[in-house]
Amino acid sequence: ETVLSRGGTMDYFEMYQNFAGRKPDVKYMLEYLGLTSEDE
């Protein structure tokens, strides 16, 4: 309902926030890859 059905009808950050309730966070990607960043 929040992502897969929305197509190109809305702002992508808004779409993501409707799904997750917040902005996306890069830390989960860096943790998965075993990389770290002070700017995460």
Full PDB file with SEQRES, HELIX, SHEET, SSBOND, CRYST1, ORIGX, SCALE, CONECT and MASTER records, all heavy atoms in Angstrom:
SEQRES   1 A   40  GLU THR VAL LEU SER ARG GLY GLY THR MET ASP TYR PHE          
SEQRES   2 A   40  GLU MET TYR GLN ASN PHE ALA GLY ARG LYS PRO ASP VAL          
SEQRES   3 A   40  LYS TYR MET LEU GLU TYR LEU GLY LEU THR SER GLU ASP          
SEQRES   4 A   40  GLU                                                          
HELIX    1 AA1 TYR A   12  ALA A   20  1                                   9    
HELIX    2 AA2 LYS A   27  LEU A   33  1                                   7    
CRYST1    1.000    1.000    1.000  90.00  90.00  90.00 P 1           1          
ORIGX1      1.000000  0.000000  0.000000        0.00000                         
ORIGX2      0.000000  1.000000  0.000000        0.00000                         
ORIGX3      0.000000  0.000000  1.000000        0.00000                         
SCALE1      1.000000  0.000000  0.000000        0.00000                         
SCALE2      0.000000  1.000000  0.000000        0.00000                         
SCALE3      0.000000  0.000000  1.000000        0.00000                         
ATOM      1  N   GLU A   1       0.806  -1.219   0.000  1.00  0.00           N  
ATOM      2  CA  GLU A   1       0.000   0.000   0.000  1.00  0.00           C  
ATOM      3  C   GLU A   1       0.838   1.268   0.000  1.00  0.00           C  
ATOM      4  O   GLU A   1       0.452   2.269  -0.615  1.00  0.00           O  
ATOM      5  CB  GLU A   1      -0.940  -0.007   1.209  1.00  0.00           C  
ATOM      6  CG  GLU A   1      -2.038  -1.059   1.114  1.00  0.00           C  
ATOM      7  CD  GLU A   1      -2.884  -1.143   2.374  1.00  0.00           C  
ATOM      8  OE1 GLU A   1      -2.555  -0.428   3.361  1.00  0.00           O  
ATOM      9  OE2 GLU A   1      -3.843  -1.922   2.391  1.00  0.00           O  
ATOM     10  N   THR A   2       1.986   1.247   0.670  1.00  0.00           N  
ATOM     11  CA  THR A   2       2.781   2.476   0.808  1.00  0.00           C  
ATOM     12  C   THR A   2       3.863   2.635  -0.251  1.00  0.00           C  
ATOM     13  O   THR A   2       4.280   3.758  -0.537  1.00  0.00           O  
ATOM     14  CB  THR A   2       3.438   2.538   2.202  1.00  0.00           C  
ATOM     15  OG1 THR A   2       4.224   1.347   2.406  1.00  0.00           O  
ATOM     16  CG2 THR A   2       2.387   2.647   3.291  1.00  0.00           C  
ATOM     17  N   VAL A   3       4.327   1.526  -0.855  1.00  0.00           N  
ATOM     18  CA  VAL A   3       5.424   1.608  -1.825  1.00  0.00           C  
ATOM     19  C   VAL A   3       5.057   0.968  -3.164  1.00  0.00           C  
ATOM     20  O   VAL A   3       5.055   1.637  -4.201  1.00  0.00           O  
ATOM     21  CB  VAL A   3       6.709   0.944  -1.265  1.00  0.00           C  
ATOM     22  CG1 VAL A   3       7.812   0.961  -2.331  1.00  0.00           C  
ATOM     23  CG2 VAL A   3       7.192   1.659  -0.011  1.00  0.00           C  
ATOM     24  N   LEU A   4       4.756  -0.323  -3.157  1.00  0.00           N  
ATOM     25  CA  LEU A   4       4.631  -1.069  -4.409  1.00  0.00           C  
ATOM     26  C   LEU A   4       3.472  -0.603  -5.280  1.00  0.00           C  
ATOM     27  O   LEU A   4       3.523  -0.773  -6.504  1.00  0.00           O  
ATOM     28  CB  LEU A   4       4.495  -2.562  -4.119  1.00  0.00           C  
ATOM     29  CG  LEU A   4       5.709  -3.237  -3.480  1.00  0.00           C  
ATOM     30  CD1 LEU A   4       5.421  -4.705  -3.202  1.00  0.00           C  
ATOM     31  CD2 LEU A   4       6.942  -3.103  -4.367  1.00  0.00           C  
ATOM     32  N   SER A   5       2.452  -0.034  -4.704  1.00  0.00           N  
ATOM     33  CA  SER A   5       1.277   0.374  -5.485  1.00  0.00           C  
ATOM     34  C   SER A   5       1.317   1.833  -5.893  1.00  0.00           C  
ATOM     35  O   SER A   5       0.412   2.305  -6.592  1.00  0.00           O  
ATOM     36  CB  SER A   5      -0.001   0.115  -4.677  1.00  0.00           C  
ATOM     37  OG  SER A   5      -0.027   0.926  -3.514  1.00  0.00           O  
ATOM     38  N   ARG A   6       2.357   2.566  -5.511  1.00  0.00           N  
ATOM     39  CA  ARG A   6       2.343   4.017  -5.692  1.00  0.00           C  
ATOM     40  C   ARG A   6       2.906   4.497  -7.023  1.00  0.00           C  
ATOM     41  O   ARG A   6       2.707   5.647  -7.406  1.00  0.00           O  
ATOM     42  CB  ARG A   6       3.102   4.687  -4.539  1.00  0.00           C  
ATOM     43  CG  ARG A   6       2.432   4.520  -3.190  1.00  0.00           C  
ATOM     44  CD  ARG A   6       1.066   5.133  -3.191  1.00  0.00           C  
ATOM     45  NE  ARG A   6       0.191   4.554  -2.186  1.00  0.00           N  
ATOM     46  CZ  ARG A   6      -1.116   4.726  -2.148  1.00  0.00           C  
ATOM     47  NH1 ARG A   6      -1.698   5.447  -3.086  1.00  0.00           N  
ATOM     48  NH2 ARG A   6      -1.842   4.166  -1.217  1.00  0.00           N  
ATOM     49  N   GLY A   7       3.625   3.635  -7.734  1.00  0.00           N  
ATOM     50  CA  GLY A   7       4.178   4.054  -9.015  1.00  0.00           C  
ATOM     51  C   GLY A   7       4.992   5.321  -8.884  1.00  0.00           C  
ATOM     52  O   GLY A   7       5.717   5.521  -7.903  1.00  0.00           O  
ATOM     53  N   GLY A   8       4.838   6.207  -9.877  1.00  0.00           N  
ATOM     54  CA  GLY A   8       5.574   7.473  -9.859  1.00  0.00           C  
ATOM     55  C   GLY A   8       4.692   8.640  -9.481  1.00  0.00           C  
ATOM     56  O   GLY A   8       4.857   9.746 -10.009  1.00  0.00           O  
ATOM     57  N   THR A   9       3.746   8.409  -8.552  1.00  0.00           N  
ATOM     58  CA  THR A   9       2.733   9.427  -8.261  1.00  0.00           C  
ATOM     59  C   THR A   9       3.080  10.380  -7.131  1.00  0.00           C  
ATOM     60  O   THR A   9       2.304  11.285  -6.843  1.00  0.00           O  
ATOM     61  CB  THR A   9       1.388   8.748  -7.919  1.00  0.00           C  
ATOM     62  OG1 THR A   9       1.558   7.949  -6.728  1.00  0.00           O  
ATOM     63  CG2 THR A   9       0.910   7.868  -9.062  1.00  0.00           C  
ATOM     64  N   MET A  10       4.229  10.185  -6.462  1.00  0.00           N  
ATOM     65  CA  MET A  10       4.526  11.044  -5.320  1.00  0.00           C  
ATOM     66  C   MET A  10       6.024  11.164  -5.086  1.00  0.00           C  
ATOM     67  O   MET A  10       6.817  10.424  -5.668  1.00  0.00           O  
ATOM     68  CB  MET A  10       3.839  10.501  -4.054  1.00  0.00           C  
ATOM     69  CG  MET A  10       4.284   9.121  -3.636  1.00  0.00           C  
ATOM     70  SD  MET A  10       3.191   8.367  -2.382  1.00  0.00           S  
ATOM     71  CE  MET A  10       3.278   9.558  -1.061  1.00  0.00           C  
ATOM     72  N   ASP A  11       6.397  12.091  -4.252  1.00  0.00           N  
ATOM     73  CA  ASP A  11       7.792  12.285  -3.870  1.00  0.00           C  
ATOM     74  C   ASP A  11       8.326  11.013  -3.208  1.00  0.00           C  
ATOM     75  O   ASP A  11       7.647  10.401  -2.374  1.00  0.00           O  
ATOM     76  CB  ASP A  11       7.899  13.464  -2.907  1.00  0.00           C  
ATOM     77  CG  ASP A  11       9.302  13.665  -2.386  1.00  0.00           C  
ATOM     78  OD1 ASP A  11      10.100  14.296  -3.074  1.00  0.00           O  
ATOM     79  OD2 ASP A  11       9.582  13.171  -1.268  1.00  0.00           O  
ATOM     80  N   TYR A  12       9.554  10.627  -3.562  1.00  0.00           N  
ATOM     81  CA  TYR A  12      10.075   9.337  -3.109  1.00  0.00           C  
ATOM     82  C   TYR A  12      10.433   9.333  -1.624  1.00  0.00           C  
ATOM     83  O   TYR A  12      10.245   8.324  -0.936  1.00  0.00           O  
ATOM     84  CB  TYR A  12      11.282   8.933  -3.957  1.00  0.00           C  
ATOM     85  CG  TYR A  12      10.905   8.834  -5.415  1.00  0.00           C  
ATOM     86  CD1 TYR A  12      11.406   9.741  -6.346  1.00  0.00           C  
ATOM     87  CD2 TYR A  12      10.011   7.864  -5.859  1.00  0.00           C  
ATOM     88  CE1 TYR A  12      11.035   9.674  -7.683  1.00  0.00           C  
ATOM     89  CE2 TYR A  12       9.634   7.789  -7.187  1.00  0.00           C  
ATOM     90  CZ  TYR A  12      10.152   8.704  -8.096  1.00  0.00           C  
ATOM     91  OH  TYR A  12       9.768   8.633  -9.408  1.00  0.00           O  
ATOM     92  N   PHE A  13      10.939  10.437  -1.109  1.00  0.00           N  
ATOM     93  CA  PHE A  13      11.208  10.504   0.326  1.00  0.00           C  
ATOM     94  C   PHE A  13       9.897  10.446   1.111  1.00  0.00           C  
ATOM     95  O   PHE A  13       9.803   9.794   2.157  1.00  0.00           O  
ATOM     96  CB  PHE A  13      11.979  11.780   0.681  1.00  0.00           C  
ATOM     97  CG  PHE A  13      13.458  11.666   0.470  1.00  0.00           C  
ATOM     98  CD1 PHE A  13      14.085  12.343  -0.560  1.00  0.00           C  
ATOM     99  CD2 PHE A  13      14.237  10.871   1.304  1.00  0.00           C  
ATOM    100  CE1 PHE A  13      15.448  12.234  -0.759  1.00  0.00           C  
ATOM    101  CE2 PHE A  13      15.602  10.758   1.118  1.00  0.00           C  
ATOM    102  CZ  PHE A  13      16.212  11.438   0.080  1.00  0.00           C  
ATOM    103  N   GLU A  14       8.864  11.102   0.596  1.00  0.00           N  
ATOM    104  CA  GLU A  14       7.552  11.035   1.242  1.00  0.00           C  
ATOM    105  C   GLU A  14       7.018   9.608   1.206  1.00  0.00           C  
ATOM    106  O   GLU A  14       6.475   9.109   2.204  1.00  0.00           O  
ATOM    107  CB  GLU A  14       6.575  11.980   0.543  1.00  0.00           C  
ATOM    108  CG  GLU A  14       5.185  11.964   1.150  1.00  0.00           C  
ATOM    109  CD  GLU A  14       4.190  12.793   0.362  1.00  0.00           C  
ATOM    110  OE1 GLU A  14       4.591  13.449  -0.627  1.00  0.00           O  
ATOM    111  OE2 GLU A  14       2.988  12.771   0.723  1.00  0.00           O  
ATOM    112  N   MET A  15       7.177   8.954   0.078  1.00  0.00           N  
ATOM    113  CA  MET A  15       6.723   7.576  -0.048  1.00  0.00           C  
ATOM    114  C   MET A  15       7.431   6.688   0.969  1.00  0.00           C  
ATOM    115  O   MET A  15       6.802   5.862   1.643  1.00  0.00           O  
ATOM    116  CB  MET A  15       6.996   7.067  -1.472  1.00  0.00           C  
ATOM    117  CG  MET A  15       6.333   5.747  -1.821  1.00  0.00           C  
ATOM    118  SD  MET A  15       6.859   5.094  -3.445  1.00  0.00           S  
ATOM    119  CE  MET A  15       6.387   6.441  -4.537  1.00  0.00           C  
ATOM    120  N   TYR A  16       8.748   6.877   1.076  1.00  0.00           N  
ATOM    121  CA  TYR A  16       9.499   6.036   2.009  1.00  0.00           C  
ATOM    122  C   TYR A  16       9.090   6.316   3.454  1.00  0.00           C  
ATOM    123  O   TYR A  16       8.959   5.387   4.267  1.00  0.00           O  
ATOM    124  CB  TYR A  16      11.008   6.236   1.838  1.00  0.00           C  
ATOM    125  CG  TYR A  16      11.777   5.161   2.580  1.00  0.00           C  
ATOM    126  CD1 TYR A  16      12.041   3.941   1.970  1.00  0.00           C  
ATOM    127  CD2 TYR A  16      12.171   5.341   3.905  1.00  0.00           C  
ATOM    128  CE1 TYR A  16      12.692   2.923   2.662  1.00  0.00           C  
ATOM    129  CE2 TYR A  16      12.815   4.334   4.599  1.00  0.00           C  
ATOM    130  CZ  TYR A  16      13.077   3.132   3.973  1.00  0.00           C  
ATOM    131  OH  TYR A  16      13.697   2.119   4.663  1.00  0.00           O  
ATOM    132  N   GLN A  17       8.877   7.564   3.783  1.00  0.00           N  
ATOM    133  CA  GLN A  17       8.478   7.901   5.145  1.00  0.00           C  
ATOM    134  C   GLN A  17       7.097   7.351   5.479  1.00  0.00           C  
ATOM    135  O   GLN A  17       6.831   6.958   6.615  1.00  0.00           O  
ATOM    136  CB  GLN A  17       8.528   9.411   5.354  1.00  0.00           C  
ATOM    137  CG  GLN A  17       9.948   9.956   5.463  1.00  0.00           C  
ATOM    138  CD  GLN A  17       9.990  11.433   5.776  1.00  0.00           C  
ATOM    139  OE1 GLN A  17       9.967  12.266   4.887  1.00  0.00           O  
ATOM    140  NE2 GLN A  17      10.051  11.762   7.054  1.00  0.00           N  
ATOM    141  N   ASN A  18       6.218   7.299   4.463  1.00  0.00           N  
ATOM    142  CA  ASN A  18       4.904   6.691   4.687  1.00  0.00           C  
ATOM    143  C   ASN A  18       5.049   5.205   5.021  1.00  0.00           C  
ATOM    144  O   ASN A  18       4.263   4.655   5.807  1.00  0.00           O  
ATOM    145  CB  ASN A  18       4.029   6.839   3.450  1.00  0.00           C  
ATOM    146  CG  ASN A  18       3.558   8.259   3.238  1.00  0.00           C  
ATOM    147  OD1 ASN A  18       3.648   9.099   4.135  1.00  0.00           O  
ATOM    148  ND2 ASN A  18       3.059   8.541   2.042  1.00  0.00           N  
ATOM    149  N   PHE A  19       6.047   4.574   4.426  1.00  0.00           N  
ATOM    150  CA  PHE A  19       6.291   3.156   4.699  1.00  0.00           C  
ATOM    151  C   PHE A  19       6.961   2.954   6.061  1.00  0.00           C  
ATOM    152  O   PHE A  19       6.446   2.237   6.924  1.00  0.00           O  
ATOM    153  CB  PHE A  19       7.162   2.552   3.599  1.00  0.00           C  
ATOM    154  CG  PHE A  19       7.887   1.301   4.006  1.00  0.00           C  
ATOM    155  CD1 PHE A  19       7.187   0.159   4.376  1.00  0.00           C  
ATOM    156  CD2 PHE A  19       9.282   1.264   4.030  1.00  0.00           C  
ATOM    157  CE1 PHE A  19       7.859  -0.996   4.772  1.00  0.00           C  
ATOM    158  CE2 PHE A  19       9.963   0.118   4.410  1.00  0.00           C  
ATOM    159  CZ  PHE A  19       9.245  -1.020   4.785  1.00  0.00           C  
ATOM    160  N   ALA A  20       8.115   3.589   6.255  1.00  0.00           N  
ATOM    161  CA  ALA A  20       8.948   3.291   7.424  1.00  0.00           C  
ATOM    162  C   ALA A  20       8.687   4.197   8.620  1.00  0.00           C  
ATOM    163  O   ALA A  20       9.144   3.907   9.725  1.00  0.00           O  
ATOM    164  CB  ALA A  20      10.422   3.369   7.040  1.00  0.00           C  
ATOM    165  N   GLY A  21       7.991   5.314   8.393  1.00  0.00           N  
ATOM    166  CA  GLY A  21       7.750   6.244   9.490  1.00  0.00           C  
ATOM    167  C   GLY A  21       8.906   7.175   9.764  1.00  0.00           C  
ATOM    168  O   GLY A  21       8.894   7.903  10.764  1.00  0.00           O  
ATOM    169  N   ARG A  22       9.903   7.185   8.897  1.00  0.00           N  
ATOM    170  CA  ARG A  22      11.086   8.038   9.080  1.00  0.00           C  
ATOM    171  C   ARG A  22      11.872   8.052   7.772  1.00  0.00           C  
ATOM    172  O   ARG A  22      11.567   7.321   6.835  1.00  0.00           O  
ATOM    173  CB  ARG A  22      11.980   7.490  10.198  1.00  0.00           C  
ATOM    174  CG  ARG A  22      12.346   6.040   9.999  1.00  0.00           C  
ATOM    175  CD  ARG A  22      13.344   5.526  11.017  1.00  0.00           C  
ATOM    176  NE  ARG A  22      13.527   4.090  10.913  1.00  0.00           N  
ATOM    177  CZ  ARG A  22      14.201   3.488   9.927  1.00  0.00           C  
ATOM    178  NH1 ARG A  22      14.749   4.204   8.968  1.00  0.00           N  
ATOM    179  NH2 ARG A  22      14.331   2.173   9.904  1.00  0.00           N  
ATOM    180  N   LYS A  23      12.915   8.894   7.730  1.00  0.00           N  
ATOM    181  CA  LYS A  23      13.801   8.917   6.566  1.00  0.00           C  
ATOM    182  C   LYS A  23      14.695   7.678   6.567  1.00  0.00           C  
ATOM    183  O   LYS A  23      14.981   7.109   7.626  1.00  0.00           O  
ATOM    184  CB  LYS A  23      14.675  10.174   6.591  1.00  0.00           C  
ATOM    185  CG  LYS A  23      13.917  11.464   6.369  1.00  0.00           C  
ATOM    186  CD  LYS A  23      14.863  12.654   6.374  1.00  0.00           C  
ATOM    187  CE  LYS A  23      14.112  13.946   6.106  1.00  0.00           C  
ATOM    188  NZ  LYS A  23      15.033  15.124   6.104  1.00  0.00           N  
ATOM    189  N   PRO A  24      15.164   7.257   5.396  1.00  0.00           N  
ATOM    190  CA  PRO A  24      16.081   6.112   5.356  1.00  0.00           C  
ATOM    191  C   PRO A  24      17.407   6.448   6.014  1.00  0.00           C  
ATOM    192  O   PRO A  24      17.878   7.585   5.948  1.00  0.00           O  
ATOM    193  CB  PRO A  24      16.263   5.853   3.857  1.00  0.00           C  
ATOM    194  CG  PRO A  24      15.959   7.159   3.201  1.00  0.00           C  
ATOM    195  CD  PRO A  24      14.896   7.793   4.046  1.00  0.00           C  
ATOM    196  N   ASP A  25      18.013   5.453   6.647  1.00  0.00           N  
ATOM    197  CA  ASP A  25      19.264   5.635   7.373  1.00  0.00           C  
ATOM    198  C   ASP A  25      20.333   4.744   6.749  1.00  0.00           C  
ATOM    199  O   ASP A  25      20.149   3.537   6.611  1.00  0.00           O  
ATOM    200  CB  ASP A  25      19.071   5.263   8.843  1.00  0.00           C  
ATOM    201  CG  ASP A  25      20.188   5.794   9.729  1.00  0.00           C  
ATOM    202  OD1 ASP A  25      21.352   5.807   9.271  1.00  0.00           O  
ATOM    203  OD2 ASP A  25      19.898   6.187  10.872  1.00  0.00           O  
ATOM    204  N   VAL A  26      21.470   5.335   6.371  1.00  0.00           N  
ATOM    205  CA  VAL A  26      22.537   4.594   5.696  1.00  0.00           C  
ATOM    206  C   VAL A  26      23.251   3.618   6.627  1.00  0.00           C  
ATOM    207  O   VAL A  26      23.957   2.710   6.171  1.00  0.00           O  
ATOM    208  CB  VAL A  26      23.551   5.575   5.067  1.00  0.00           C  
ATOM    209  CG1 VAL A  26      24.385   6.245   6.141  1.00  0.00           C  
ATOM    210  CG2 VAL A  26      24.430   4.882   4.032  1.00  0.00           C  
ATOM    211  N   LYS A  27      23.064   3.761   7.929  1.00  0.00           N  
ATOM    212  CA  LYS A  27      23.851   2.952   8.866  1.00  0.00           C  
ATOM    213  C   LYS A  27      23.604   1.457   8.705  1.00  0.00           C  
ATOM    214  O   LYS A  27      24.513   0.648   8.905  1.00  0.00           O  
ATOM    215  CB  LYS A  27      23.583   3.377  10.304  1.00  0.00           C  
ATOM    216  CG  LYS A  27      22.229   2.973  10.869  1.00  0.00           C  
ATOM    217  CD  LYS A  27      22.106   3.384  12.339  1.00  0.00           C  
ATOM    218  CE  LYS A  27      20.782   2.923  12.934  1.00  0.00           C  
ATOM    219  NZ  LYS A  27      20.656   3.309  14.359  1.00  0.00           N  
ATOM    220  N   TYR A  28      22.390   1.068   8.347  1.00  0.00           N  
ATOM    221  CA  TYR A  28      22.098  -0.360   8.219  1.00  0.00           C  
ATOM    222  C   TYR A  28      22.852  -0.973   7.041  1.00  0.00           C  
ATOM    223  O   TYR A  28      23.286  -2.115   7.102  1.00  0.00           O  
ATOM    224  CB  TYR A  28      20.592  -0.572   8.068  1.00  0.00           C  
ATOM    225  CG  TYR A  28      19.815  -0.087   9.264  1.00  0.00           C  
ATOM    226  CD1 TYR A  28      19.053   1.079   9.198  1.00  0.00           C  
ATOM    227  CD2 TYR A  28      19.853  -0.778  10.472  1.00  0.00           C  
ATOM    228  CE1 TYR A  28      18.345   1.547  10.295  1.00  0.00           C  
ATOM    229  CE2 TYR A  28      19.151  -0.319  11.585  1.00  0.00           C  
ATOM    230  CZ  TYR A  28      18.405   0.845  11.488  1.00  0.00           C  
ATOM    231  OH  TYR A  28      17.721   1.297  12.581  1.00  0.00           O  
ATOM    232  N   MET A  29      23.007  -0.208   5.991  1.00  0.00           N  
ATOM    233  CA  MET A  29      23.784  -0.668   4.845  1.00  0.00           C  
ATOM    234  C   MET A  29      25.258  -0.793   5.205  1.00  0.00           C  
ATOM    235  O   MET A  29      25.909  -1.799   4.896  1.00  0.00           O  
ATOM    236  CB  MET A  29      23.608   0.313   3.688  1.00  0.00           C  
ATOM    237  CG  MET A  29      24.511   0.067   2.492  1.00  0.00           C  
ATOM    238  SD  MET A  29      24.288   1.377   1.261  1.00  0.00           S  
ATOM    239  CE  MET A  29      25.586   0.963   0.100  1.00  0.00           C  
ATOM    240  N   LEU A  30      25.801   0.213   5.869  1.00  0.00           N  
ATOM    241  CA  LEU A  30      27.223   0.192   6.223  1.00  0.00           C  
ATOM    242  C   LEU A  30      27.524  -0.939   7.206  1.00  0.00           C  
ATOM    243  O   LEU A  30      28.565  -1.590   7.116  1.00  0.00           O  
ATOM    244  CB  LEU A  30      27.630   1.538   6.814  1.00  0.00           C  
ATOM    245  CG  LEU A  30      27.500   2.746   5.872  1.00  0.00           C  
ATOM    246  CD1 LEU A  30      27.878   4.032   6.599  1.00  0.00           C  
ATOM    247  CD2 LEU A  30      28.362   2.569   4.626  1.00  0.00           C  
ATOM    248  N   GLU A  31      26.606  -1.171   8.130  1.00  0.00           N  
ATOM    249  CA  GLU A  31      26.796  -2.269   9.077  1.00  0.00           C  
ATOM    250  C   GLU A  31      26.793  -3.615   8.357  1.00  0.00           C  
ATOM    251  O   GLU A  31      27.610  -4.497   8.639  1.00  0.00           O  
ATOM    252  CB  GLU A  31      25.687  -2.241  10.135  1.00  0.00           C  
ATOM    253  CG  GLU A  31      25.817  -1.101  11.132  1.00  0.00           C  
ATOM    254  CD  GLU A  31      24.608  -0.997  12.044  1.00  0.00           C  
ATOM    255  OE1 GLU A  31      23.666  -1.823  11.881  1.00  0.00           O  
ATOM    256  OE2 GLU A  31      24.575  -0.101  12.908  1.00  0.00           O  
ATOM    257  N   TYR A  32      25.890  -3.779   7.422  1.00  0.00           N  
ATOM    258  CA  TYR A  32      25.801  -5.038   6.681  1.00  0.00           C  
ATOM    259  C   TYR A  32      27.083  -5.298   5.894  1.00  0.00           C  
ATOM    260  O   TYR A  32      27.567  -6.426   5.816  1.00  0.00           O  
ATOM    261  CB  TYR A  32      24.606  -5.004   5.732  1.00  0.00           C  
ATOM    262  CG  TYR A  32      24.539  -6.200   4.812  1.00  0.00           C  
ATOM    263  CD1 TYR A  32      24.017  -7.411   5.253  1.00  0.00           C  
ATOM    264  CD2 TYR A  32      25.019  -6.121   3.497  1.00  0.00           C  
ATOM    265  CE1 TYR A  32      23.966  -8.512   4.420  1.00  0.00           C  
ATOM    266  CE2 TYR A  32      24.982  -7.221   2.665  1.00  0.00           C  
ATOM    267  CZ  TYR A  32      24.452  -8.414   3.128  1.00  0.00           C  
ATOM    268  OH  TYR A  32      24.422  -9.504   2.302  1.00  0.00           O  
ATOM    269  N   LEU A  33      27.631  -4.244   5.319  1.00  0.00           N  
ATOM    270  CA  LEU A  33      28.825  -4.382   4.488  1.00  0.00           C  
ATOM    271  C   LEU A  33      30.111  -4.437   5.309  1.00  0.00           C  
ATOM    272  O   LEU A  33      31.189  -4.661   4.762  1.00  0.00           O  
ATOM    273  CB  LEU A  33      28.914  -3.212   3.497  1.00  0.00           C  
ATOM    274  CG  LEU A  33      27.790  -3.144   2.458  1.00  0.00           C  
ATOM    275  CD1 LEU A  33      27.862  -1.826   1.701  1.00  0.00           C  
ATOM    276  CD2 LEU A  33      27.881  -4.312   1.497  1.00  0.00           C  
ATOM    277  N   GLY A  34      29.995  -4.230   6.605  1.00  0.00           N  
ATOM    278  CA  GLY A  34      31.189  -4.225   7.432  1.00  0.00           C  
ATOM    279  C   GLY A  34      31.991  -2.954   7.281  1.00  0.00           C  
ATOM    280  O   GLY A  34      33.185  -2.913   7.584  1.00  0.00           O  
ATOM    281  N   LEU A  35      31.340  -1.888   6.818  1.00  0.00           N  
ATOM    282  CA  LEU A  35      31.995  -0.596   6.644  1.00  0.00           C  
ATOM    283  C   LEU A  35      31.469   0.349   7.713  1.00  0.00           C  
ATOM    284  O   LEU A  35      30.351   0.223   8.188  1.00  0.00           O  
ATOM    285  CB  LEU A  35      31.697  -0.018   5.258  1.00  0.00           C  
ATOM    286  CG  LEU A  35      32.058  -0.919   4.070  1.00  0.00           C  
ATOM    287  CD1 LEU A  35      31.593  -0.265   2.776  1.00  0.00           C  
ATOM    288  CD2 LEU A  35      33.563  -1.169   4.014  1.00  0.00           C  
ATOM    289  N   THR A  36      32.263   1.326   8.056  1.00  0.00           N  
ATOM    290  CA  THR A  36      31.835   2.312   9.045  1.00  0.00           C  
ATOM    291  C   THR A  36      32.089   3.694   8.493  1.00  0.00           C  
ATOM    292  O   THR A  36      32.957   3.907   7.654  1.00  0.00           O  
ATOM    293  CB  THR A  36      32.603   2.169  10.373  1.00  0.00           C  
ATOM    294  OG1 THR A  36      34.009   2.289  10.116  1.00  0.00           O  
ATOM    295  CG2 THR A  36      32.297   0.831  11.015  1.00  0.00           C  
ATOM    296  N   SER A  37      31.324   4.634   8.966  1.00  0.00           N  
ATOM    297  CA  SER A  37      31.487   6.015   8.524  1.00  0.00           C  
ATOM    298  C   SER A  37      31.094   6.954   9.643  1.00  0.00           C  
ATOM    299  O   SER A  37      30.071   6.772  10.297  1.00  0.00           O  
ATOM    300  CB  SER A  37      30.612   6.300   7.299  1.00  0.00           C  
ATOM    301  OG  SER A  37      30.594   7.681   7.009  1.00  0.00           O  
ATOM    302  N   GLU A  38      31.899   7.980   9.873  1.00  0.00           N  
ATOM    303  CA  GLU A  38      31.566   8.969  10.890  1.00  0.00           C  
ATOM    304  C   GLU A  38      30.367   9.804  10.455  1.00  0.00           C  
ATOM    305  O   GLU A  38      29.717  10.447  11.258  1.00  0.00           O  
ATOM    306  CB  GLU A  38      32.768   9.883  11.145  1.00  0.00           C  
ATOM    307  CG  GLU A  38      33.961   9.141  11.761  1.00  0.00           C  
ATOM    308  CD  GLU A  38      35.145  10.064  11.971  1.00  0.00           C  
ATOM    309  OE1 GLU A  38      35.028  11.252  11.617  1.00  0.00           O  
ATOM    310  OE2 GLU A  38      36.179   9.614  12.482  1.00  0.00           O  
ATOM    311  N   ASP A  39      30.077   9.776   9.124  1.00  0.00           N  
ATOM    312  CA  ASP A  39      29.010  10.616   8.606  1.00  0.00           C  
ATOM    313  C   ASP A  39      27.712   9.858   8.415  1.00  0.00           C  
ATOM    314  O   ASP A  39      26.781  10.349   7.812  1.00  0.00           O  
ATOM    315  CB  ASP A  39      29.418  11.216   7.242  1.00  0.00           C  
ATOM    316  CG  ASP A  39      30.647  12.081   7.359  1.00  0.00           C  
ATOM    317  OD1 ASP A  39      30.760  12.774   8.379  1.00  0.00           O  
ATOM    318  OD2 ASP A  39      31.480  12.057   6.439  1.00  0.00           O  
ATOM    319  N   GLU A  40      27.662   8.618   8.922  1.00  0.00           N  
ATOM    320  CA  GLU A  40      26.453   7.839   8.692  1.00  0.00           C  
ATOM    321  C   GLU A  40      25.270   8.510   9.369  1.00  0.00           C  
ATOM    322  O   GLU A  40      25.379   9.204  10.360  1.00  0.00           O  
ATOM    323  CB  GLU A  40      26.615   6.414   9.218  1.00  0.00           C  
ATOM    324  CG  GLU A  40      26.773   6.317  10.722  1.00  0.00           C  
ATOM    325  CD  GLU A  40      27.095   4.902  11.169  1.00  0.00           C  
ATOM    326  OE1 GLU A  40      27.893   4.241  10.488  1.00  0.00           O  
ATOM    327  OE2 GLU A  40      26.541   4.482  12.194  1.00  0.00           O  
TER     328      GLU A  40                                                      
MASTER        0    0    0    2    0    0    0    6  327    1    0    4          
END                                                                             
